[in-house]
Protein backbone atom coordinates (compact mmCIF):
# COMPACT_ATOMS: atom_id res chain seq x y z
CA MET A 1 -0.20 0.14 -0.03
CA ASP A 2 1.31 3.52 -1.01
CA SER A 3 2.53 5.46 2.14
CA ILE A 4 1.54 8.70 0.21
CA LEU A 5 -1.41 9.28 -2.00
CA LEU A 6 -1.94 11.92 -4.60
CA GLU A 7 -5.39 13.25 -5.82
CA VAL A 8 -6.03 15.92 -8.14
CA ASN A 9 -9.30 17.60 -9.00
CA ASN A 10 -10.15 20.91 -10.41
CA HIS A 11 -6.50 21.99 -10.62
CA ILE A 12 -5.97 21.26 -6.76
CA ALA A 13 -3.74 18.48 -5.27
CA ILE A 14 -4.50 16.44 -2.17
CA VAL A 15 -1.49 14.84 -0.80
CA THR A 16 -2.30 12.20 2.11
CA ILE A 17 0.15 10.67 4.44
CA ASN A 18 -1.66 7.19 4.03
CA ARG A 19 -0.17 5.75 7.55
CA ALA A 20 -2.80 5.88 9.91
CA ASP A 21 -1.68 2.98 12.07
CA SER A 22 1.31 4.65 12.77
CA LEU A 23 -0.36 8.09 13.25
CA ASN A 24 1.11 9.08 9.95
CA SER A 25 4.68 8.94 10.81
CA PHE A 26 7.52 9.21 8.48
CA ASN A 27 9.74 6.26 7.80
CA PHE A 28 12.49 6.41 5.08
CA ASP A 29 10.35 4.95 2.35
CA THR A 30 7.59 7.40 3.07
CA LEU A 31 9.78 10.26 2.89
CA LEU A 32 11.06 8.98 -0.64
CA GLN A 33 7.39 8.59 -1.79
CA LEU A 34 6.58 12.08 -0.76
CA GLU A 35 9.41 13.36 -2.63
CA GLY A 36 8.29 11.68 -5.70
CA LYS A 37 4.60 13.09 -5.31
CA VAL A 38 6.03 16.83 -4.66
CA LYS A 39 8.42 16.27 -7.80
CA THR A 40 5.34 15.16 -9.82
CA ILE A 41 3.40 18.21 -8.29
CA SER A 42 5.86 20.74 -9.49
CA GLN A 43 6.08 19.44 -13.13
CA ASN A 44 2.43 19.56 -13.60
CA GLN A 45 1.22 22.78 -14.81
CA GLU A 46 -2.32 21.87 -14.33
CA ILE A 47 -1.91 21.77 -10.68
CA TRP A 48 -2.61 25.43 -9.24
CA ALA A 49 -2.81 24.56 -5.35
CA VAL A 50 -1.70 21.69 -2.99
CA ILE A 51 -3.34 20.44 0.24
CA PHE A 52 -1.33 18.32 2.47
CA THR A 53 -3.40 16.18 5.17
CA GLY A 54 -3.21 12.67 7.18
CA ALA A 55 -5.17 9.68 6.80
CA GLY A 56 -7.33 8.84 9.53
CA GLU A 57 -9.17 10.75 12.29
CA LYS A 58 -6.37 11.07 14.96
CA ALA A 59 -3.38 12.43 13.06
CA PHE A 60 -1.72 14.73 10.59
CA SER A 61 1.64 13.55 11.41
CA VAL A 62 3.53 12.78 14.44
CA GLY A 63 6.93 13.04 12.51
CA ALA A 64 9.74 10.56 12.56
CA ASP A 65 8.86 6.84 12.72
CA LEU A 66 10.13 5.92 16.06
CA LYS A 67 9.97 2.38 15.73
CA GLU A 68 12.11 2.67 12.80
CA ARG A 69 14.55 5.10 14.26
CA ARG A 70 15.35 2.67 17.11
CA ASN A 71 16.92 0.47 14.68
CA LEU A 72 18.98 3.11 12.83
CA THR A 73 22.58 3.59 12.61
CA ASN A 74 23.91 7.11 13.44
CA GLU A 75 24.49 7.33 9.60
CA GLN A 76 20.94 6.06 8.65
CA VAL A 77 19.47 8.73 10.97
CA ILE A 78 21.75 11.26 9.07
CA ARG A 79 20.24 10.04 5.93
CA ASN A 80 16.52 10.30 6.99
CA LEU A 81 17.57 13.73 8.21
CA ASN A 82 18.94 14.81 4.60
CA GLN A 83 16.03 13.13 3.15
CA ILE A 84 13.22 14.87 5.21
CA ASN A 85 15.11 18.44 4.67
CA SER A 86 15.36 17.60 0.89
CA VAL A 87 11.41 17.06 0.15
CA PHE A 88 10.57 19.91 2.64
CA ASN A 89 12.66 22.24 0.86
CA LEU A 90 11.08 21.34 -2.22
CA ILE A 91 7.64 21.75 -0.69
CA ASP A 92 8.68 25.21 0.54
CA GLN A 93 10.03 26.25 -3.05
CA LEU A 94 6.71 25.02 -4.70
CA PRO A 95 5.41 28.14 -6.60
CA LYS A 96 1.94 26.97 -6.03
CA PRO A 97 0.07 27.77 -2.69
CA THR A 98 0.14 25.29 -0.14
CA ILE A 99 -1.99 24.20 2.76
CA ALA A 100 -1.52 21.82 5.38
CA ALA A 101 -4.96 20.60 6.67
CA ILE A 102 -4.27 19.53 10.15
CA ASN A 103 -6.61 16.78 11.18
CA GLY A 104 -5.24 15.63 14.45
CA TYR A 105 -1.65 15.34 16.04
CA ALA A 106 1.19 17.32 14.47
CA PHE A 107 4.24 16.83 16.52
CA GLY A 108 7.86 16.96 15.55
CA GLY A 109 8.29 16.50 11.71
CA GLY A 110 4.80 16.55 11.51
CA MET A 111 4.55 19.89 12.50
CA GLU A 112 7.62 21.04 10.35
CA LEU A 113 5.63 19.77 7.26
CA ALA A 114 2.78 22.25 8.41
CA LEU A 115 5.09 25.04 8.82
CA THR A 116 6.43 24.36 5.54
CA CYS A 117 3.19 25.21 4.00
CA ASP A 118 1.88 28.69 3.42
CA PHE A 119 -1.05 28.41 5.33
CA ARG A 120 -2.47 25.89 7.97
CA ILE A 121 -6.05 25.07 8.83
CA ALA A 122 -6.57 22.71 11.97
CA ALA A 123 -9.33 20.91 13.71
CA TYR A 124 -10.83 22.08 17.03
CA GLY A 125 -8.73 20.19 19.78
CA SER A 126 -5.76 19.23 17.55
CA GLN A 127 -2.53 18.88 19.46
CA MET A 128 0.59 20.27 17.97
CA GLY A 129 4.21 21.08 18.87
CA LEU A 130 7.74 20.86 18.15
CA THR A 131 8.46 18.22 20.92
CA GLU A 132 11.88 17.04 19.62
CA THR A 133 13.86 18.28 22.86
CA SER A 134 11.78 15.73 24.88
CA LEU A 135 13.68 12.97 22.98
CA ALA A 136 17.00 14.77 23.43
CA ILE A 137 17.15 16.21 19.90
CA ILE A 138 16.08 19.21 18.28
CA PRO A 139 13.82 20.02 15.43
CA GLY A 140 15.92 19.23 12.48
CA ALA A 141 13.65 19.64 9.17
CA GLY A 142 13.44 23.45 9.17
CA GLY A 143 11.45 23.75 12.71
CA THR A 144 14.19 26.13 14.40
CA GLN A 145 14.21 28.57 11.26
CA ARG A 146 10.49 28.48 10.31
CA LEU A 147 8.57 28.82 13.49
CA PRO A 148 10.52 32.02 14.85
CA ARG A 149 10.00 33.61 11.55
CA LEU A 150 6.45 33.04 11.86
CA ILE A 151 5.78 33.78 15.40
CA GLY A 152 8.60 35.53 16.71
CA THR A 153 12.01 34.32 18.08
CA ALA A 154 10.84 34.61 21.91
CA LYS A 155 7.55 32.50 21.29
CA ALA A 156 9.30 30.01 19.12
CA LEU A 157 12.19 29.59 21.93
CA GLU A 158 9.54 28.78 24.48
CA LEU A 159 7.74 26.21 22.46
CA ILE A 160 11.05 24.49 21.09
CA LEU A 161 12.73 24.37 24.46
CA THR A 162 9.95 23.36 26.78
CA ALA A 163 8.74 20.63 24.00
CA LYS A 164 5.31 22.02 24.69
CA ARG A 165 2.28 20.54 23.37
CA PHE A 166 -0.60 23.13 22.52
CA PRO A 167 -3.94 22.80 21.28
CA ALA A 168 -5.13 24.60 17.97
CA GLU A 169 -7.05 27.25 19.60
CA GLU A 170 -3.84 28.28 21.52
CA ALA A 171 -2.03 28.16 18.28
CA MET A 172 -4.26 30.23 16.57
CA SER A 173 -3.88 33.15 19.31
CA PHE A 174 -0.30 33.52 18.43
CA GLY A 175 -0.66 33.67 14.80
CA LEU A 176 0.39 29.88 13.78
CA LEU A 177 -2.81 28.85 11.95
CA THR A 178 -5.01 30.31 9.25
CA LYS A 179 -8.26 29.12 10.59
CA VAL A 180 -9.79 26.52 13.12
CA VAL A 181 -12.74 24.41 12.21
CA PRO A 182 -14.67 21.38 12.92
CA ASN A 183 -12.80 18.23 12.84
CA THR A 184 -15.14 16.81 10.01
CA LYS A 185 -14.58 20.16 8.04
CA VAL A 186 -11.04 20.44 7.92
CA LEU A 187 -10.37 19.13 4.24
CA SER A 188 -13.78 20.87 2.98
CA GLU A 189 -12.55 24.17 4.43
CA SER A 190 -9.12 23.48 2.84
CA LEU A 191 -10.59 23.05 -0.24
CA ALA A 192 -12.84 25.96 -0.06
CA PHE A 193 -9.68 28.11 0.74
CA ALA A 194 -7.76 26.95 -2.18
CA GLU A 195 -10.86 27.72 -4.42
CA GLU A 196 -11.27 30.94 -3.27
CA MET A 197 -7.56 31.84 -4.02
CA LEU A 198 -7.96 30.23 -7.42
CA MET A 199 -10.77 32.49 -8.30
CA ASN A 200 -8.04 34.85 -9.30
CA GLY A 201 -5.20 34.31 -11.89
CA PRO A 202 -3.04 31.15 -11.30
CA ILE A 203 -0.06 32.42 -12.58
CA ALA A 204 -0.39 36.02 -10.69
CA ILE A 205 -0.85 33.99 -7.39
CA GLN A 206 2.36 32.13 -8.09
CA GLN A 207 4.32 35.04 -9.12
CA ALA A 208 2.84 37.02 -6.03
CA LYS A 209 4.09 34.10 -3.75
CA LEU A 210 7.38 34.37 -5.09
CA ALA A 211 7.69 37.98 -4.68
CA ILE A 212 6.98 37.75 -1.05
CA LYS A 213 8.90 35.03 -0.11
CA ASN A 214 11.91 35.86 -2.18
CA GLY A 215 11.61 39.40 -0.91
CA MET A 216 11.66 38.68 2.85
CA ASP A 217 15.23 37.86 2.82
CA VAL A 218 16.71 40.98 1.04
CA ASN A 219 16.49 44.67 1.74
CA PHE A 220 13.42 46.72 0.47
CA GLN A 221 14.88 47.83 -2.61
CA GLN A 222 16.14 44.49 -3.66
CA GLY A 223 12.56 43.14 -2.75
CA LEU A 224 10.99 45.93 -5.05
CA GLU A 225 13.28 44.66 -8.09
CA ILE A 226 12.06 41.07 -7.32
CA GLU A 227 8.30 42.29 -7.10
CA GLN A 228 8.76 44.30 -10.62
CA LYS A 229 10.00 41.03 -12.40
CA ALA A 230 7.30 39.05 -10.86
CA TYR A 231 4.76 41.63 -12.21
CA GLU A 232 6.53 41.47 -15.72
CA LYS A 233 5.94 37.84 -15.79
CA THR A 234 2.21 38.28 -15.64
CA ILE A 235 2.19 40.65 -18.48
CA PRO A 236 2.15 38.63 -21.68
CA THR A 237 -0.34 36.17 -20.19
CA ASP A 238 -3.81 35.23 -21.62
CA ASP A 239 -5.02 35.20 -18.14
CA ARG A 240 -4.32 39.18 -18.02
CA LEU A 241 -6.11 39.83 -21.34
CA GLU A 242 -8.98 37.56 -20.20
CA ALA A 243 -9.33 39.56 -16.93
CA LEU A 244 -9.63 42.89 -18.96
CA GLN A 245 -12.14 41.36 -21.45
CA ALA A 246 -14.28 40.15 -18.61
CA PHE A 247 -14.06 43.58 -16.93
CA LEU A 248 -15.27 45.21 -20.02
CA GLU A 249 -18.13 42.64 -20.51
CA LYS A 250 -19.11 42.59 -16.75
CA ARG A 251 -18.74 38.83 -16.00
CA LYS A 252 -16.23 36.55 -14.05
CA PRO A 253 -12.91 35.89 -15.80
CA VAL A 254 -12.18 32.49 -16.80
CA PHE A 255 -8.50 31.56 -16.08
CA LYS A 256 -6.60 29.05 -17.97
CA GLY A 257 -3.03 29.28 -16.00
CA LYS A 258 -1.51 30.64 -19.50
């Protein structure tokens, strides 16, 4: 049985970690499969948004498969670390908007996957946290870098150094989540959010994301230059002309991502 499932409908990809019996933890094979699915998504121009979620009703992902980890050599642990960083960086670099549909526990690497996404929609009562220090390790798949950039250094230090587990409602209060919804609506709300974005030009969405993310790590003037180059990419598109024509005809535009 595949550890990672990929479904595509109406330009939206749903990637499901399919290991409900192990709370959707990541073993090495699962990470390899996840990398393959992400590469497929990155190469498919008909996919305009991506949702990541977990199978079952208990967990988004609890991170590393500790049953596997107990039997690994130090070299194999480093191999797994390199692999999870490789695939999470691929997700981070996707030009399409990404949503983590958190349908239960999100700990360790599972929480880091959620942080890799642009948006996080979680079920009420979902428990999450970067809990690695309780296992005498640290977050190693971007957690120490992405969390402080999202919620600030002091709060990130608190959560990581205490290995605190916190509910979705608390995560919402310090800006970690986009929305908190009933468990039965996590996926449908994530789909609705993706569809709301895709009412707009898909190329424009991708270029806006690129301008924001690439502009955050440079000075303001360089950021403006990145923005202008991203804008210029939208000018020769059919979608831009369609938007102008739709405005004149007083109708909704029909975008094709071209």
